[in-house]
Structure formats: C-alpha cells, structure tokens
C-alpha cells in the first residue's frame, strides 16, 4: 500500500514539473485592441457589462497582470503605464479608461 501511495505522489510531482517548466511568457489579460472599439480606451457599458458602474477595478483585474503587452498599433510605452498603475493603483484606471459608469 505504501508503494502505491509513493507512486501517486511521484506521478503528481512529475505532472507538476512538466506543466510548470518551460519558457511560458505571461502576456497578461487580453481584451484585444481597445482603440478599435466604439469609444477607444474609454470603457462603455456594452463592452464592460459585468463591471459597469463599479469603481473597484482590482476586484476583477489583477494589477500585476495587466498592461503587459501592447495590443494596439500605436507605439505605447507599456512599461511607463505599468509603473503608473503599480504606483497609483486603481486611481490611475480612470485616466485612460474613463469613469466606468461611476458618478
């Protein structure tokens, strides 16, 4: 019985090592090119139904996992944007994305 238990532990560890290895690049949350939408970077109720009217962006969006990749055709300094977001937190969201329906 002990050898069966050991077998399953080793099997689990081998799956873990295979799935966690490699050079996986985190490209962050992907909402496509927001500049190509109706109001550009400013969120609309149609585009942001589940979060519309909420001011706590970080309840759904992990600030460590956003603005990692430039998904626009413009030359945008994503590193500067990330620095602002990480320094200012969710107060920086309104600068580019509007009020999200919050009055």
C-alpha atoms as a PDB file:
ATOM      1  CA  UNK A   1       0.000   0.000   0.000  1.00  0.00           C
ATOM      2  CA  UNK A   2       2.856   2.365   0.819  1.00  0.00           C
ATOM      3  CA  UNK A   3       4.441   1.839  -2.618  1.00  0.00           C
ATOM      4  CA  UNK A   4       1.126   2.725  -4.315  1.00  0.00           C
ATOM      5  CA  UNK A   5       0.934   5.906  -2.256  1.00  0.00           C
ATOM      6  CA  UNK A   6       4.530   6.768  -3.207  1.00  0.00           C
ATOM      7  CA  UNK A   7       3.765   6.039  -6.868  1.00  0.00           C
ATOM      8  CA  UNK A   8       0.890   8.553  -6.923  1.00  0.00           C
ATOM      9  CA  UNK A   9       2.964  11.206  -5.181  1.00  0.00           C
ATOM     10  CA  UNK A  10       5.756  10.778  -7.728  1.00  0.00           C
ATOM     11  CA  UNK A  11       3.260  10.753 -10.594  1.00  0.00           C
ATOM     12  CA  UNK A  12       1.733  14.001  -9.340  1.00  0.00           C
ATOM     13  CA  UNK A  13       5.133  15.632  -8.967  1.00  0.00           C
ATOM     14  CA  UNK A  14       6.124  14.595 -12.482  1.00  0.00           C
ATOM     15  CA  UNK A  15       2.946  16.174 -13.931  1.00  0.00           C
ATOM     16  CA  UNK A  16       3.633  19.311 -11.918  1.00  0.00           C
ATOM     17  CA  UNK A  17       7.196  19.576 -13.140  1.00  0.00           C
ATOM     18  CA  UNK A  18       6.126  19.105 -16.758  1.00  0.00           C
ATOM     19  CA  UNK A  19       3.307  21.646 -16.576  1.00  0.00           C
ATOM     20  CA  UNK A  20       5.334  24.298 -14.707  1.00  0.00           C
ATOM     21  CA  UNK A  21       8.523  24.084 -16.716  1.00  0.00           C
ATOM     22  CA  UNK A  22       9.434  25.738 -19.940  1.00  0.00           C
ATOM     23  CA  UNK A  23       9.541  29.327 -21.013  1.00  0.00           C
ATOM     24  CA  UNK A  24       5.917  30.369 -20.767  1.00  0.00           C
ATOM     25  CA  UNK A  25       5.600  34.126 -21.265  1.00  0.00           C
ATOM     26  CA  UNK A  26       2.808  35.860 -19.393  1.00  0.00           C
ATOM     27  CA  UNK A  27       1.163  38.232 -21.846  1.00  0.00           C
ATOM     28  CA  UNK A  28      -1.389  39.410 -19.293  1.00  0.00           C
ATOM     29  CA  UNK A  29      -5.091  39.939 -19.676  1.00  0.00           C
ATOM     30  CA  UNK A  30      -6.145  40.171 -23.330  1.00  0.00           C
ATOM     31  CA  UNK A  31      -9.116  42.303 -24.310  1.00  0.00           C
ATOM     32  CA  UNK A  32      -7.832  42.915 -27.798  1.00  0.00           C
ATOM     33  CA  UNK A  33      -7.141  46.346 -29.248  1.00  0.00           C
ATOM     34  CA  UNK A  34      -9.447  48.624 -27.262  1.00  0.00           C
ATOM     35  CA  UNK A  35      -8.548  51.527 -29.557  1.00  0.00           C
ATOM     36  CA  UNK A  36     -10.564  49.786 -32.265  1.00  0.00           C
ATOM     37  CA  UNK A  37     -13.747  49.822 -30.180  1.00  0.00           C
ATOM     38  CA  UNK A  38     -16.518  52.434 -30.243  1.00  0.00           C
ATOM     39  CA  UNK A  39     -15.027  54.810 -27.656  1.00  0.00           C
ATOM     40  CA  UNK A  40     -11.433  53.641 -27.832  1.00  0.00           C
ATOM     41  CA  UNK A  41      -9.797  53.097 -24.456  1.00  0.00           C
ATOM     42  CA  UNK A  42     -12.807  54.553 -22.608  1.00  0.00           C
ATOM     43  CA  UNK A  43     -14.984  51.715 -21.370  1.00  0.00           C
ATOM     44  CA  UNK A  44     -18.644  51.569 -22.338  1.00  0.00           C
ATOM     45  CA  UNK A  45     -21.482  49.676 -20.702  1.00  0.00           C
ATOM     46  CA  UNK A  46     -21.820  47.405 -23.755  1.00  0.00           C
ATOM     47  CA  UNK A  47     -18.124  46.451 -23.625  1.00  0.00           C
ATOM     48  CA  UNK A  48     -17.865  46.116 -19.846  1.00  0.00           C
ATOM     49  CA  UNK A  49     -21.239  44.724 -18.774  1.00  0.00           C
ATOM     50  CA  UNK A  50     -20.144  42.714 -15.732  1.00  0.00           C
ATOM     51  CA  UNK A  51     -18.036  45.506 -14.255  1.00  0.00           C
ATOM     52  CA  UNK A  52     -20.014  48.553 -15.360  1.00  0.00           C
ATOM     53  CA  UNK A  53     -20.669  51.013 -12.555  1.00  0.00           C
ATOM     54  CA  UNK A  54     -18.052  49.507 -10.254  1.00  0.00           C
ATOM     55  CA  UNK A  55     -15.126  51.568  -9.013  1.00  0.00           C
ATOM     56  CA  UNK A  56     -13.035  48.701  -7.611  1.00  0.00           C
ATOM     57  CA  UNK A  57     -11.291  47.607 -10.824  1.00  0.00           C
ATOM     58  CA  UNK A  58      -8.895  45.369  -8.903  1.00  0.00           C
ATOM     59  CA  UNK A  59     -11.711  43.107  -7.726  1.00  0.00           C
ATOM     60  CA  UNK A  60     -11.732  41.587 -11.211  1.00  0.00           C
ATOM     61  CA  UNK A  61      -8.445  42.756 -12.732  1.00  0.00           C
ATOM     62  CA  UNK A  62      -5.146  41.723 -11.173  1.00  0.00           C
ATOM     63  CA  UNK A  63      -2.979  44.843 -11.386  1.00  0.00           C
ATOM     64  CA  UNK A  64       0.112  42.636 -11.663  1.00  0.00           C
ATOM     65  CA  UNK A  65      -1.371  41.001 -14.773  1.00  0.00           C
ATOM     66  CA  UNK A  66      -2.481  43.987 -16.855  1.00  0.00           C
ATOM     67  CA  UNK A  67      -0.712  46.209 -19.373  1.00  0.00           C
ATOM     68  CA  UNK A  68       1.957  43.587 -20.018  1.00  0.00           C
ATOM     69  CA  UNK A  69       1.574  43.653 -23.808  1.00  0.00           C
ATOM     70  CA  UNK A  70       0.798  46.481 -26.203  1.00  0.00           C
ATOM     71  CA  UNK A  71      -2.195  45.227 -28.175  1.00  0.00           C
ATOM     72  CA  UNK A  72      -2.575  48.387 -30.257  1.00  0.00           C
ATOM     73  CA  UNK A  73      -0.964  49.512 -33.487  1.00  0.00           C
ATOM     74  CA  UNK A  74       0.387  52.594 -31.685  1.00  0.00           C
ATOM     75  CA  UNK A  75       3.805  52.933 -30.110  1.00  0.00           C
ATOM     76  CA  UNK A  76       2.777  52.975 -26.432  1.00  0.00           C
ATOM     77  CA  UNK A  77       5.236  52.912 -23.541  1.00  0.00           C
ATOM     78  CA  UNK A  78       3.697  49.968 -21.683  1.00  0.00           C
ATOM     79  CA  UNK A  79       6.452  49.962 -19.074  1.00  0.00           C
ATOM     80  CA  UNK A  80       5.578  53.554 -18.075  1.00  0.00           C
ATOM     81  CA  UNK A  81       1.885  52.668 -17.924  1.00  0.00           C
ATOM     82  CA  UNK A  82       2.611  49.647 -15.724  1.00  0.00           C
ATOM     83  CA  UNK A  83       4.742  51.774 -13.424  1.00  0.00           C
ATOM     84  CA  UNK A  84       1.872  54.265 -13.045  1.00  0.00           C
ATOM     85  CA  UNK A  85      -0.665  51.521 -12.386  1.00  0.00           C
ATOM     86  CA  UNK A  86       1.533  49.811  -9.827  1.00  0.00           C
ATOM     87  CA  UNK A  87       2.380  53.116  -8.118  1.00  0.00           C
ATOM     88  CA  UNK A  88      -1.095  54.680  -8.155  1.00  0.00           C
ATOM     89  CA  UNK A  89      -3.252  51.559  -8.089  1.00  0.00           C
ATOM     90  CA  UNK A  90      -6.817  51.708  -9.379  1.00  0.00           C
ATOM     91  CA  UNK A  91      -6.952  55.511  -9.223  1.00  0.00           C
ATOM     92  CA  UNK A  92      -4.913  55.506 -12.438  1.00  0.00           C
ATOM     93  CA  UNK A  93      -7.540  53.500 -14.373  1.00  0.00           C
ATOM     94  CA  UNK A  94      -9.875  56.460 -14.949  1.00  0.00           C
ATOM     95  CA  UNK A  95      -7.110  58.382 -16.756  1.00  0.00           C
ATOM     96  CA  UNK A  96      -7.302  56.096 -19.804  1.00  0.00           C
ATOM     97  CA  UNK A  97     -10.475  54.071 -19.335  1.00  0.00           C
ATOM     98  CA  UNK A  98     -12.946  56.708 -18.141  1.00  0.00           C
ATOM     99  CA  UNK A  99     -15.235  56.514 -15.151  1.00  0.00           C
ATOM    100  CA  UNK A 100     -16.722  53.097 -15.980  1.00  0.00           C
ATOM    101  CA  UNK A 101     -20.185  54.490 -15.281  1.00  0.00           C
ATOM    102  CA  UNK A 102     -19.271  55.604 -11.756  1.00  0.00           C
ATOM    103  CA  UNK A 103     -20.618  59.076 -10.973  1.00  0.00           C
END
